[in-house]
Amino acid sequence: MTLERLAACSATHISSQLVLGTWVKFSEAEFVQTQLPTNPQGTFSVAFDTDFDGEKIATIIEFLRGNNIAVDAICRYQPSSDLTPAICFYSNETHQALNPLSLNEFAHAKGFQLVQLQTPPDLEKPGLLVMDMDSTAITIECIDEIARLANVYDEVAAVTAQAMAGKLDFSESLHQRVAKLEGIEQSLIDELKNALPLMPGIAALCQVLKQHNWYLAIASGGFVPFAEQVQKLLNLDEVHANILEFKDNKLTGRVLGTIVDANQKALVLGNLTEQLNLTQQQTVAIGDGANDLTMMARAGLGVAVHGKPKVVEQAQAAICHGSLLQLLYLMTIPK
C-alpha cells in the first residue's frame, strides 16, 4: 500500500483494516500481518489523542522518514475503553529519540500527540510510578493557594513560576515563599487540604496501576498535609513531601527537616527501585517542573505532564494536554 493510497483511507476504513493489538506492515496493495522481534530493541513512536485516518498516519510516516526513521510495522491498540485507540510505529533500528518539544510542535499542528520510546515499561509486570504532586497529581500549586489566604499570592506565585521554570534554586525559593506564609491558621490549611482538585485521569490511572501490582508514590516539593490527603484519595503506597512547622495552630513560616528538592526526588525513586527489586525499565516518573527532571532522568521512563517548555524539551516523553490516563499508551504497547 502506497502512502498515497493510505492517505485516502477514512478513519472507518483504518479501523476495519487495523485489528486492535495486531502488528502489520505495508505491502504494495494492503496491510500484511507481521510480528515484532522477540525482544524488540528498536524505536517505538506512539501517536494518540485523536481518531486516526489514513492521511494522519501517512503524515506521521513521512515525518519519521524525514528524520531518517524507517517504519517497519504499525499497530493500532487501545489500553482502555476510556481512551481512543493509538497508533504505534515501530522501527527495527535504534535511533536517538527526537526531542519531545519538536514532536509536540509537529503533532499539535496536526491535532494529536506523538512520543518516542526505546524500551517502554510493561503494565503487565510489577513496576513503580513516582509522581510529583502540585500541577501533576492535582491541578493546583498548594503553596500559591495558601498564599491567597495570606494575601501574598502575586508575590509567592511569581517565585513559584521562576522555580518551576528552573530560573531559581528550588530550596532557596521554598524558604523564601514559606516565610511569607507566617501566621496562617491551621484551620485554613485543613480547608484547602479537604478540597484538593485531582488532575483529570489520575484516579483512573492509579486504579489501573494498582490492579497490575504497581507501587505508587509521591515525591513532592509541596507539603505533607496535602500529600497525605492525595495518598488517601488515590490509594498511594507512600508519600515524600516537605514538613511545615506549626506553633499555636499557625504557620511559623519555616520548613522542617530535609527539603524534598530535585536530588531528593531522584533519591526516593532510586531507593524504591532497589527496595522493590525492579529493573530500571519498570520505573516511571512524571512531573511538570524543572525540579522533576533529575527524578525523570533516573527513571526508565520520565514523562513531562502538562510541563513547561524546558521540562518537555529535556524529558524522555511528554503528555502535553488531556487526561493522565493517557500514560497507559506508553505502558501497554503490544509486543
C-alpha atoms as a PDB file:
ATOM      1  CA  MET A   1       0.000   0.000   0.000  1.00  0.00           C
ATOM      2  CA  THR A   2       1.495   3.321  -1.068  1.00  0.00           C
ATOM      3  CA  LEU A   3       1.350   6.386   1.143  1.00  0.00           C
ATOM      4  CA  GLU A   4      -0.940   7.984  -1.424  1.00  0.00           C
ATOM      5  CA  ARG A   5      -3.441   5.134  -1.123  1.00  0.00           C
ATOM      6  CA  LEU A   6      -3.066   5.103   2.662  1.00  0.00           C
ATOM      7  CA  ALA A   7      -3.746   8.845   2.869  1.00  0.00           C
ATOM      8  CA  ALA A   8      -7.057   8.328   1.062  1.00  0.00           C
ATOM      9  CA  CYS A   9      -8.353   5.887   3.715  1.00  0.00           C
ATOM     10  CA  SER A  10     -11.023   7.113   6.091  1.00  0.00           C
ATOM     11  CA  ALA A  11     -10.852   6.587   9.842  1.00  0.00           C
ATOM     12  CA  THR A  12     -13.586   3.967   9.500  1.00  0.00           C
ATOM     13  CA  HIS A  13     -11.573   2.078   6.881  1.00  0.00           C
ATOM     14  CA  ILE A  14      -8.445   2.239   9.046  1.00  0.00           C
ATOM     15  CA  SER A  15     -10.416   0.834  11.988  1.00  0.00           C
ATOM     16  CA  SER A  16     -11.620  -2.092   9.899  1.00  0.00           C
ATOM     17  CA  GLN A  17      -8.187  -2.844   8.431  1.00  0.00           C
ATOM     18  CA  LEU A  18      -6.053  -2.467  11.563  1.00  0.00           C
ATOM     19  CA  VAL A  19      -7.184  -5.051  14.109  1.00  0.00           C
ATOM     20  CA  LEU A  20      -6.523  -3.879  17.658  1.00  0.00           C
ATOM     21  CA  GLY A  21      -3.288  -5.271  19.082  1.00  0.00           C
ATOM     22  CA  THR A  22      -2.062  -6.688  15.764  1.00  0.00           C
ATOM     23  CA  TRP A  23       1.177  -5.570  14.104  1.00  0.00           C
ATOM     24  CA  VAL A  24       1.087  -5.069  10.349  1.00  0.00           C
ATOM     25  CA  LYS A  25       3.474  -3.962   7.632  1.00  0.00           C
ATOM     26  CA  PHE A  26       2.830  -2.419   4.238  1.00  0.00           C
ATOM     27  CA  SER A  27       2.736  -4.428   1.054  1.00  0.00           C
ATOM     28  CA  GLU A  28       2.071  -2.931  -2.347  1.00  0.00           C
ATOM     29  CA  ALA A  29      -1.674  -3.253  -2.028  1.00  0.00           C
ATOM     30  CA  GLU A  30      -2.605  -3.923   1.587  1.00  0.00           C
ATOM     31  CA  PHE A  31      -1.647  -4.305   5.214  1.00  0.00           C
ATOM     32  CA  VAL A  32       0.004  -7.655   5.971  1.00  0.00           C
ATOM     33  CA  GLN A  33       0.175  -9.104   9.475  1.00  0.00           C
ATOM     34  CA  THR A  34       3.671  -9.322  10.944  1.00  0.00           C
ATOM     35  CA  GLN A  35       5.413  -9.800  14.283  1.00  0.00           C
ATOM     36  CA  LEU A  36       7.982  -7.831  16.219  1.00  0.00           C
ATOM     37  CA  PRO A  37      11.301  -9.390  17.223  1.00  0.00           C
ATOM     38  CA  THR A  38      11.158 -11.423  20.455  1.00  0.00           C
ATOM     39  CA  ASN A  39      12.968  -8.700  22.382  1.00  0.00           C
ATOM     40  CA  PRO A  40      12.464  -5.542  20.319  1.00  0.00           C
ATOM     41  CA  GLN A  41      15.329  -3.078  20.663  1.00  0.00           C
ATOM     42  CA  GLY A  42      14.167  -0.569  18.085  1.00  0.00           C
ATOM     43  CA  THR A  43      12.236   2.696  18.298  1.00  0.00           C
ATOM     44  CA  PHE A  44       8.542   2.998  19.122  1.00  0.00           C
ATOM     45  CA  SER A  45       6.729   6.163  18.018  1.00  0.00           C
ATOM     46  CA  VAL A  46       3.274   6.395  19.603  1.00  0.00           C
ATOM     47  CA  ALA A  47       0.564   8.703  18.240  1.00  0.00           C
ATOM     48  CA  PHE A  48      -2.602   9.242  20.270  1.00  0.00           C
ATOM     49  CA  ASP A  49      -5.377  11.648  21.280  1.00  0.00           C
ATOM     50  CA  THR A  50      -7.475  11.573  18.077  1.00  0.00           C
ATOM     51  CA  ASP A  51      -9.297   9.253  15.674  1.00  0.00           C
ATOM     52  CA  PHE A  52      -6.673   8.391  13.073  1.00  0.00           C
ATOM     53  CA  ASP A  53      -7.479   8.341   9.395  1.00  0.00           C
ATOM     54  CA  GLY A  54      -5.109   7.350   6.620  1.00  0.00           C
ATOM     55  CA  GLU A  55      -3.989  10.912   5.995  1.00  0.00           C
ATOM     56  CA  LYS A  56      -2.778  11.367   9.581  1.00  0.00           C
ATOM     57  CA  ILE A  57      -0.971   8.017   9.553  1.00  0.00           C
ATOM     58  CA  ALA A  58       0.706   8.810   6.226  1.00  0.00           C
ATOM     59  CA  THR A  59       1.744  12.225   7.550  1.00  0.00           C
ATOM     60  CA  ILE A  60       3.415  10.614  10.565  1.00  0.00           C
ATOM     61  CA  ILE A  61       5.248   8.076   8.399  1.00  0.00           C
ATOM     62  CA  GLU A  62       6.514  10.888   6.167  1.00  0.00           C
ATOM     63  CA  PHE A  63       7.607  12.891   9.225  1.00  0.00           C
ATOM     64  CA  LEU A  64       9.512   9.914  10.643  1.00  0.00           C
ATOM     65  CA  ARG A  65      11.128   9.181   7.276  1.00  0.00           C
ATOM     66  CA  GLY A  66      12.151  12.815   7.082  1.00  0.00           C
ATOM     67  CA  ASN A  67      14.023  12.223  10.337  1.00  0.00           C
ATOM     68  CA  ASN A  68      15.679   9.045   8.974  1.00  0.00           C
ATOM     69  CA  ILE A  69      13.356   6.698  10.863  1.00  0.00           C
ATOM     70  CA  ALA A  70      12.010   3.925   8.630  1.00  0.00           C
ATOM     71  CA  VAL A  71       8.704   2.431   9.748  1.00  0.00           C
ATOM     72  CA  ASP A  72       8.857  -1.385   9.688  1.00  0.00           C
ATOM     73  CA  ALA A  73       5.497  -2.108  11.347  1.00  0.00           C
ATOM     74  CA  ILE A  74       2.471  -0.348  12.773  1.00  0.00           C
ATOM     75  CA  CYS A  75      -0.086  -1.369  15.382  1.00  0.00           C
ATOM     76  CA  ARG A  76      -3.410   0.092  16.447  1.00  0.00           C
ATOM     77  CA  TYR A  77      -4.172  -0.561  20.114  1.00  0.00           C
ATOM     78  CA  GLN A  78      -6.470   0.664  22.893  1.00  0.00           C
ATOM     79  CA  PRO A  79      -5.272   0.445  26.515  1.00  0.00           C
ATOM     80  CA  SER A  80      -8.657   1.410  27.995  1.00  0.00           C
ATOM     81  CA  SER A  81     -12.237   1.846  26.835  1.00  0.00           C
ATOM     82  CA  ASP A  82     -11.935   5.403  28.158  1.00  0.00           C
ATOM     83  CA  LEU A  83      -9.203   6.154  25.602  1.00  0.00           C
ATOM     84  CA  THR A  84      -9.330   6.315  21.816  1.00  0.00           C
ATOM     85  CA  PRO A  85      -7.080   3.811  20.014  1.00  0.00           C
ATOM     86  CA  ALA A  86      -3.462   4.844  19.455  1.00  0.00           C
ATOM     87  CA  ILE A  87      -1.175   4.038  16.539  1.00  0.00           C
ATOM     88  CA  CYS A  88       2.346   2.767  17.253  1.00  0.00           C
ATOM     89  CA  PHE A  89       5.044   2.936  14.557  1.00  0.00           C
ATOM     90  CA  TYR A  90       7.989   0.585  15.077  1.00  0.00           C
ATOM     91  CA  SER A  91      11.446   0.906  13.533  1.00  0.00           C
ATOM     92  CA  ASN A  92      13.863  -2.023  13.825  1.00  0.00           C
ATOM     93  CA  GLU A  93      16.767   0.369  14.181  1.00  0.00           C
ATOM     94  CA  THR A  94      17.598   2.175  17.405  1.00  0.00           C
ATOM     95  CA  HIS A  95      17.590   5.902  16.785  1.00  0.00           C
ATOM     96  CA  GLN A  96      18.369   8.822  19.003  1.00  0.00           C
ATOM     97  CA  ALA A  97      14.923   9.890  20.131  1.00  0.00           C
ATOM     98  CA  LEU A  98      13.603  13.067  18.594  1.00  0.00           C
ATOM     99  CA  ASN A  99      13.205  15.928  21.052  1.00  0.00           C
ATOM    100  CA  PRO A 100       9.759  15.814  22.713  1.00  0.00           C
ATOM    101  CA  LEU A 101       9.348  19.543  22.094  1.00  0.00           C
ATOM    102  CA  SER A 102       9.847  19.002  18.356  1.00  0.00           C
ATOM    103  CA  LEU A 103       7.475  16.036  18.392  1.00  0.00           C
ATOM    104  CA  ASN A 104       4.858  18.132  20.165  1.00  0.00           C
ATOM    105  CA  GLU A 105       5.232  21.029  17.733  1.00  0.00           C
ATOM    106  CA  PHE A 106       4.712  18.692  14.769  1.00  0.00           C
ATOM    107  CA  ALA A 107       1.850  16.702  16.299  1.00  0.00           C
ATOM    108  CA  HIS A 108      -0.023  19.617  17.878  1.00  0.00           C
ATOM    109  CA  ALA A 109      -0.380  21.282  14.486  1.00  0.00           C
ATOM    110  CA  LYS A 110      -1.921  18.057  13.143  1.00  0.00           C
ATOM    111  CA  GLY A 111      -4.328  17.548  16.041  1.00  0.00           C
ATOM    112  CA  PHE A 112      -2.770  14.690  18.008  1.00  0.00           C
ATOM    113  CA  GLN A 113       0.128  13.860  20.346  1.00  0.00           C
ATOM    114  CA  LEU A 114       3.308  11.926  19.493  1.00  0.00           C
ATOM    115  CA  VAL A 115       6.002  10.419  21.717  1.00  0.00           C
ATOM    116  CA  GLN A 116       9.008   8.160  21.160  1.00  0.00           C
ATOM    117  CA  LEU A 117      10.250   5.313  23.346  1.00  0.00           C
ATOM    118  CA  GLN A 118      13.132   2.857  23.189  1.00  0.00           C
ATOM    119  CA  THR A 119      12.402   0.381  25.997  1.00  0.00           C
ATOM    120  CA  PRO A 120       8.834   1.021  27.190  1.00  0.00           C
ATOM    121  CA  PRO A 121       7.661  -0.314  30.550  1.00  0.00           C
ATOM    122  CA  ASP A 122       5.217  -3.208  30.637  1.00  0.00           C
ATOM    123  CA  LEU A 123       1.994  -2.691  32.578  1.00  0.00           C
ATOM    124  CA  GLU A 124       1.620  -6.456  32.993  1.00  0.00           C
ATOM    125  CA  LYS A 125       4.795  -6.681  35.083  1.00  0.00           C
ATOM    126  CA  PRO A 126       5.232  -5.119  38.550  1.00  0.00           C
ATOM    127  CA  GLY A 127       6.532  -1.576  38.400  1.00  0.00           C
ATOM    128  CA  LEU A 128       6.950   1.763  40.139  1.00  0.00           C
ATOM    129  CA  LEU A 129       5.350   5.138  39.451  1.00  0.00           C
ATOM    130  CA  VAL A 130       6.757   8.149  41.301  1.00  0.00           C
ATOM    131  CA  MET A 131       4.830  11.337  40.688  1.00  0.00           C
ATOM    132  CA  ASP A 132       5.100  14.981  41.522  1.00  0.00           C
ATOM    133  CA  MET A 133       2.029  16.350  43.287  1.00  0.00           C
ATOM    134  CA  ASP A 134       1.365  20.029  42.542  1.00  0.00           C
ATOM    135  CA  SER A 135       0.199  20.603  38.946  1.00  0.00           C
ATOM    136  CA  THR A 136       0.707  16.871  38.317  1.00  0.00           C
ATOM    137  CA  ALA A 137      -1.427  14.722  40.624  1.00  0.00           C
ATOM    138  CA  ILE A 138      -3.533  17.780  41.487  1.00  0.00           C
ATOM    139  CA  THR A 139      -4.369  20.790  39.338  1.00  0.00           C
ATOM    140  CA  ILE A 140      -3.099  23.476  41.716  1.00  0.00           C
ATOM    141  CA  GLU A 141       0.129  24.643  43.354  1.00  0.00           C
ATOM    142  CA  CYS A 142      -0.726  24.346  47.052  1.00  0.00           C
ATOM    143  CA  ILE A 143       1.759  26.980  48.170  1.00  0.00           C
ATOM    144  CA  ASP A 144       0.168  29.502  45.825  1.00  0.00           C
ATOM    145  CA  GLU A 145      -3.285  28.712  47.211  1.00  0.00           C
ATOM    146  CA  ILE A 146      -2.030  29.125  50.789  1.00  0.00           C
ATOM    147  CA  ALA A 147      -0.573  32.452  49.682  1.00  0.00           C
ATOM    148  CA  ARG A 148      -4.030  33.565  48.556  1.00  0.00           C
ATOM    149  CA  LEU A 149      -5.170  33.075  52.140  1.00  0.00           C
ATOM    150  CA  ALA A 150      -2.317  35.303  53.339  1.00  0.00           C
ATOM    151  CA  ASN A 151      -2.958  37.940  50.630  1.00  0.00           C
ATOM    152  CA  VAL A 152       0.559  37.457  49.217  1.00  0.00           C
ATOM    153  CA  TYR A 153      -0.446  35.386  46.182  1.00  0.00           C
ATOM    154  CA  ASP A 154       1.143  37.506  43.447  1.00  0.00           C
ATOM    155  CA  GLU A 155       4.456  37.683  45.258  1.00  0.00           C
ATOM    156  CA  VAL A 156       4.604  33.957  46.034  1.00  0.00           C
ATOM    157  CA  ALA A 157       3.279  32.827  42.639  1.00  0.00           C
ATOM    158  CA  ALA A 158       5.977  34.804  40.850  1.00  0.00           C
ATOM    159  CA  VAL A 159       8.673  32.964  42.829  1.00  0.00           C
ATOM    160  CA  THR A 160       6.916  29.625  42.210  1.00  0.00           C
ATOM    161  CA  ALA A 161       6.892  30.249  38.473  1.00  0.00           C
ATOM    162  CA  GLN A 162      10.613  31.070  38.485  1.00  0.00           C
ATOM    163  CA  ALA A 163      11.412  27.918  40.446  1.00  0.00           C
ATOM    164  CA  MET A 164       9.305  25.621  38.248  1.00  0.00           C
ATOM    165  CA  ALA A 165      10.896  27.091  35.124  1.00  0.00           C
ATOM    166  CA  GLY A 166      14.357  26.373  36.535  1.00  0.00           C
ATOM    167  CA  LYS A 167      15.321  30.016  36.925  1.00  0.00           C
ATOM    168  CA  LEU A 168      15.702  29.877  40.707  1.00  0.00           C
ATOM    169  CA  ASP A 169      17.141  27.254  43.076  1.00  0.00           C
ATOM    170  CA  PHE A 170      14.221  25.263  44.426  1.00  0.00           C
ATOM    171  CA  SER A 171      15.297  25.061  48.079  1.00  0.00           C
ATOM    172  CA  GLU A 172      16.076  28.758  48.198  1.00  0.00           C
ATOM    173  CA  SER A 173      12.746  29.589  46.605  1.00  0.00           C
ATOM    174  CA  LEU A 174      10.860  27.316  49.001  1.00  0.00           C
ATOM    175  CA  HIS A 175      12.278  29.040  52.076  1.00  0.00           C
ATOM    176  CA  GLN A 176      11.507  32.435  50.541  1.00  0.00           C
ATOM    177  CA  ARG A 177       7.906  31.512  49.831  1.00  0.00           C
ATOM    178  CA  VAL A 178       7.133  29.719  53.083  1.00  0.00           C
ATOM    179  CA  ALA A 179       8.486  32.666  55.086  1.00  0.00           C
ATOM    180  CA  LYS A 180       5.719  34.805  53.599  1.00  0.00           C
ATOM    181  CA  LEU A 181       3.074  32.425  54.972  1.00  0.00           C
ATOM    182  CA  GLU A 182       3.790  33.057  58.635  1.00  0.00           C
ATOM    183  CA  GLY A 183       0.649  33.370  60.712  1.00  0.00           C
ATOM    184  CA  ILE A 184      -1.753  31.375  58.521  1.00  0.00           C
ATOM    185  CA  GLU A 185      -4.225  29.436  60.688  1.00  0.00           C
ATOM    186  CA  GLN A 186      -4.003  25.644  60.530  1.00  0.00           C
ATOM    187  CA  SER A 187      -7.778  25.502  60.054  1.00  0.00           C
ATOM    188  CA  LEU A 188      -7.378  27.265  56.709  1.00  0.00           C
ATOM    189  CA  ILE A 189      -4.728  24.743  55.669  1.00  0.00           C
ATOM    190  CA  ASP A 190      -7.180  21.967  56.557  1.00  0.00           C
ATOM    191  CA  GLU A 191      -9.920  23.566  54.446  1.00  0.00           C
ATOM    192  CA  LEU A 192      -7.615  23.674  51.443  1.00  0.00           C
ATOM    193  CA  LYS A 193      -6.451  20.107  52.078  1.00  0.00           C
ATOM    194  CA  ASN A 194     -10.026  18.821  52.084  1.00  0.00           C
ATOM    195  CA  ALA A 195     -10.849  20.404  48.705  1.00  0.00           C
ATOM    196  CA  LEU A 196      -7.875  19.351  46.565  1.00  0.00           C
ATOM    197  CA  PRO A 197      -8.777  19.098  42.852  1.00  0.00           C
ATOM    198  CA  LEU A 198      -7.282  15.947  41.318  1.00  0.00           C
ATOM    199  CA  MET A 199      -5.762  16.120  37.851  1.00  0.00           C
ATOM    200  CA  PRO A 200      -8.138  14.600  35.274  1.00  0.00           C
ATOM    201  CA  GLY A 201      -7.347  10.935  34.697  1.00  0.00           C
ATOM    202  CA  ILE A 202      -5.015  10.477  37.668  1.00  0.00           C
ATOM    203  CA  ALA A 203      -7.519   8.497  39.756  1.00  0.00           C
ATOM    204  CA  ALA A 204      -8.316   6.127  36.885  1.00  0.00           C
ATOM    205  CA  LEU A 205      -4.599   5.736  36.115  1.00  0.00           C
ATOM    206  CA  CYS A 206      -3.722   4.852  39.700  1.00  0.00           C
ATOM    207  CA  GLN A 207      -6.601   2.383  39.891  1.00  0.00           C
ATOM    208  CA  VAL A 208      -5.353   0.536  36.798  1.00  0.00           C
ATOM    209  CA  LEU A 209      -1.749   0.524  38.029  1.00  0.00           C
ATOM    210  CA  LYS A 210      -2.729  -0.859  41.436  1.00  0.00           C
ATOM    211  CA  GLN A 211      -4.709  -3.627  39.719  1.00  0.00           C
ATOM    212  CA  HIS A 212      -1.450  -4.585  37.985  1.00  0.00           C
ATOM    213  CA  ASN A 213       0.674  -4.617  41.150  1.00  0.00           C
ATOM    214  CA  TRP A 214       2.427  -1.319  40.582  1.00  0.00           C
ATOM    215  CA  TYR A 215       3.842   0.597  43.548  1.00  0.00           C
ATOM    216  CA  LEU A 216       2.703   4.226  43.655  1.00  0.00           C
ATOM    217  CA  ALA A 217       4.455   7.098  45.421  1.00  0.00           C
ATOM    218  CA  ILE A 218       4.553  10.876  45.538  1.00  0.00           C
ATOM    219  CA  ALA A 219       7.849  12.769  45.717  1.00  0.00           C
ATOM    220  CA  SER A 220       6.788  16.382  46.081  1.00  0.00           C
ATOM    221  CA  GLY A 221       8.327  19.741  46.759  1.00  0.00           C
ATOM    222  CA  GLY A 222       4.939  20.553  48.270  1.00  0.00           C
ATOM    223  CA  PHE A 223       3.769  19.811  51.783  1.00  0.00           C
ATOM    224  CA  VAL A 224       2.914  16.755  53.858  1.00  0.00           C
ATOM    225  CA  PRO A 225      -0.716  17.575  54.789  1.00  0.00           C
ATOM    226  CA  PHE A 226      -1.682  17.792  51.118  1.00  0.00           C
ATOM    227  CA  ALA A 227       0.437  14.814  50.033  1.00  0.00           C
ATOM    228  CA  GLU A 228      -1.169  12.644  52.721  1.00  0.00           C
ATOM    229  CA  GLN A 229      -4.614  13.698  51.514  1.00  0.00           C
ATOM    230  CA  VAL A 230      -3.730  12.770  47.930  1.00  0.00           C
ATOM    231  CA  GLN A 231      -2.389   9.470  49.235  1.00  0.00           C
ATOM    232  CA  LYS A 232      -5.818   8.714  50.721  1.00  0.00           C
ATOM    233  CA  LEU A 233      -7.686   9.788  47.590  1.00  0.00           C
ATOM    234  CA  LEU A 234      -5.523   7.719  45.217  1.00  0.00           C
ATOM    235  CA  ASN A 235      -4.616   4.763  47.457  1.00  0.00           C
ATOM    236  CA  LEU A 236      -0.890   5.502  47.128  1.00  0.00           C
ATOM    237  CA  ASP A 237       1.732   3.400  48.869  1.00  0.00           C
ATOM    238  CA  GLU A 238       3.834   6.248  50.263  1.00  0.00           C
ATOM    239  CA  VAL A 239       4.472   9.973  50.009  1.00  0.00           C
ATOM    240  CA  HIS A 240       7.503  12.211  50.473  1.00  0.00           C
ATOM    241  CA  ALA A 241       6.978  15.950  50.914  1.00  0.00           C
ATOM    242  CA  ASN A 242       8.112  18.930  52.962  1.00  0.00           C
ATOM    243  CA  ILE A 243       7.092  19.467  56.582  1.00  0.00           C
ATOM    244  CA  LEU A 244       5.556  22.792  57.533  1.00  0.00           C
ATOM    245  CA  GLU A 245       6.174  23.986  61.094  1.00  0.00           C
ATOM    246  CA  PHE A 246       3.133  24.998  63.146  1.00  0.00           C
ATOM    247  CA  LYS A 247       3.093  26.764  66.506  1.00  0.00           C
ATOM    248  CA  ASP A 248      -0.106  27.597  68.363  1.00  0.00           C
ATOM    249  CA  ASN A 249      -2.034  26.263  65.352  1.00  0.00           C
ATOM    250  CA  LYS A 250      -0.399  28.773  62.991  1.00  0.00           C
ATOM    251  CA  LEU A 251       2.327  28.504  60.391  1.00  0.00           C
ATOM    252  CA  THR A 252       5.666  29.777  61.629  1.00  0.00           C
ATOM    253  CA  GLY A 253       6.994  30.426  58.129  1.00  0.00           C
ATOM    254  CA  ARG A 254       9.599  27.660  58.417  1.00  0.00           C
ATOM    255  CA  VAL A 255      10.106  24.221  56.865  1.00  0.00           C
ATOM    256  CA  LEU A 256      11.417  21.356  58.995  1.00  0.00           C
ATOM    257  CA  GLY A 257      13.775  18.544  58.053  1.00  0.00           C
ATOM    258  CA  THR A 258      15.274  17.630  54.698  1.00  0.00           C
ATOM    259  CA  ILE A 259      13.946  19.631  51.763  1.00  0.00           C
ATOM    260  CA  VAL A 260      12.402  17.466  49.050  1.00  0.00           C
ATOM    261  CA  ASP A 261      14.187  19.039  46.096  1.00  0.00           C
ATOM    262  CA  ALA A 262      15.235  17.636  42.716  1.00  0.00           C
ATOM    263  CA  ASN A 263      18.007  15.437  44.138  1.00  0.00           C
ATOM    264  CA  GLN A 264      15.818  14.138  46.954  1.00  0.00           C
ATOM    265  CA  LYS A 265      13.094  13.196  44.484  1.00  0.00           C
ATOM    266  CA  ALA A 266      15.611  11.203  42.450  1.00  0.00           C
ATOM    267  CA  LEU A 267      16.844   9.549  45.638  1.00  0.00           C
ATOM    268  CA  VAL A 268      13.298   8.472  46.508  1.00  0.00           C
ATOM    269  CA  LEU A 269      12.921   6.870  43.087  1.00  0.00           C
ATOM    270  CA  GLY A 270      16.301   5.155  43.301  1.00  0.00           C
ATOM    271  CA  ASN A 271      15.703   3.800  46.790  1.00  0.00           C
ATOM    272  CA  LEU A 272      12.266   2.452  45.908  1.00  0.00           C
ATOM    273  CA  THR A 273      13.582   0.822  42.738  1.00  0.00           C
ATOM    274  CA  GLU A 274      16.160  -1.012  44.828  1.00  0.00           C
ATOM    275  CA  GLN A 275      13.743  -1.916  47.631  1.00  0.00           C
ATOM    276  CA  LEU A 276      11.213  -3.333  45.182  1.00  0.00           C
ATOM    277  CA  ASN A 277      13.931  -5.179  43.217  1.00  0.00           C
ATOM    278  CA  LEU A 278      12.785  -3.656  39.935  1.00  0.00           C
ATOM    279  CA  THR A 279      14.656  -3.132  36.701  1.00  0.00           C
ATOM    280  CA  GLN A 280      15.001   0.475  35.602  1.00  0.00           C
ATOM    281  CA  GLN A 281      12.736  -0.238  32.627  1.00  0.00           C
ATOM    282  CA  GLN A 282       9.816  -0.837  35.017  1.00  0.00           C
ATOM    283  CA  THR A 283      10.115   2.583  36.675  1.00  0.00           C
ATOM    284  CA  VAL A 284       8.170   5.662  35.596  1.00  0.00           C
ATOM    285  CA  ALA A 285       8.390   9.227  36.882  1.00  0.00           C
ATOM    286  CA  ILE A 286       6.022  12.047  35.971  1.00  0.00           C
ATOM    287  CA  GLY A 287       6.120  15.754  36.727  1.00  0.00           C
ATOM    288  CA  ASP A 288       5.680  19.214  35.293  1.00  0.00           C
ATOM    289  CA  GLY A 289       8.505  21.319  36.736  1.00  0.00           C
ATOM    290  CA  ALA A 290      12.254  21.726  36.419  1.00  0.00           C
ATOM    291  CA  ASN A 291      12.788  20.139  39.836  1.00  0.00           C
ATOM    292  CA  ASP A 292      11.285  16.905  38.464  1.00  0.00           C
ATOM    293  CA  LEU A 293      13.888  16.477  35.707  1.00  0.00           C
ATOM    294  CA  THR A 294      16.530  14.708  37.807  1.00  0.00           C
ATOM    295  CA  MET A 295      13.963  12.180  39.022  1.00  0.00           C
ATOM    296  CA  MET A 296      12.619  11.730  35.497  1.00  0.00           C
ATOM    297  CA  ALA A 297      16.110  11.163  34.107  1.00  0.00           C
ATOM    298  CA  ARG A 298      16.754   8.416  36.657  1.00  0.00           C
ATOM    299  CA  ALA A 299      13.553   6.545  35.777  1.00  0.00           C
ATOM    300  CA  GLY A 300      13.270   4.104  32.928  1.00  0.00           C
ATOM    301  CA  LEU A 301      10.606   6.412  31.528  1.00  0.00           C
ATOM    302  CA  GLY A 302      10.389  10.085  32.518  1.00  0.00           C
ATOM    303  CA  VAL A 303       7.263  11.853  31.289  1.00  0.00           C
ATOM    304  CA  ALA A 304       6.547  15.568  31.407  1.00  0.00           C
ATOM    305  CA  VAL A 305       2.828  16.047  32.034  1.00  0.00           C
ATOM    306  CA  HIS A 306       1.414  19.433  31.071  1.00  0.00           C
ATOM    307  CA  GLY A 307       5.004  20.552  31.521  1.00  0.00           C
ATOM    308  CA  LYS A 308       6.793  23.838  30.991  1.00  0.00           C
ATOM    309  CA  PRO A 309       8.701  24.030  27.665  1.00  0.00           C
ATOM    310  CA  LYS A 310      12.079  23.499  29.358  1.00  0.00           C
ATOM    311  CA  VAL A 311      10.737  20.372  31.035  1.00  0.00           C
ATOM    312  CA  VAL A 312       9.166  18.987  27.848  1.00  0.00           C
ATOM    313  CA  GLU A 313      12.419  19.607  25.981  1.00  0.00           C
ATOM    314  CA  GLN A 314      14.503  17.649  28.492  1.00  0.00           C
ATOM    315  CA  ALA A 315      12.063  14.820  29.261  1.00  0.00           C
ATOM    316  CA  GLN A 316      12.078  11.452  27.538  1.00  0.00           C
ATOM    317  CA  ALA A 317       8.417  11.854  26.597  1.00  0.00           C
ATOM    318  CA  ALA A 318       5.610  14.343  27.143  1.00  0.00           C
ATOM    319  CA  ILE A 319       1.845  14.330  27.542  1.00  0.00           C
ATOM    320  CA  CYS A 320       1.073  17.943  26.768  1.00  0.00           C
ATOM    321  CA  HIS A 321      -2.669  18.020  27.274  1.00  0.00           C
ATOM    322  CA  GLY A 322      -5.596  15.827  28.229  1.00  0.00           C
ATOM    323  CA  SER A 323      -6.146  13.057  30.739  1.00  0.00           C
ATOM    324  CA  LEU A 324      -3.260  11.472  32.627  1.00  0.00           C
ATOM    325  CA  LEU A 325      -4.866   8.118  31.876  1.00  0.00           C
ATOM    326  CA  GLN A 326      -3.064   8.599  28.541  1.00  0.00           C
ATOM    327  CA  LEU A 327       0.100   7.449  30.301  1.00  0.00           C
ATOM    328  CA  LEU A 328      -1.251   3.951  29.660  1.00  0.00           C
ATOM    329  CA  TYR A 329      -0.451   4.405  25.962  1.00  0.00           C
ATOM    330  CA  LEU A 330       3.233   4.303  26.903  1.00  0.00           C
ATOM    331  CA  MET A 331       2.906   1.250  29.148  1.00  0.00           C
ATOM    332  CA  THR A 332       0.782  -1.095  27.029  1.00  0.00           C
ATOM    333  CA  ILE A 333       2.498  -1.190  23.620  1.00  0.00           C
ATOM    334  CA  PRO A 334       1.746  -4.654  22.162  1.00  0.00           C
ATOM    335  CA  LYS A 335       4.789  -6.900  21.782  1.00  0.00           C
END
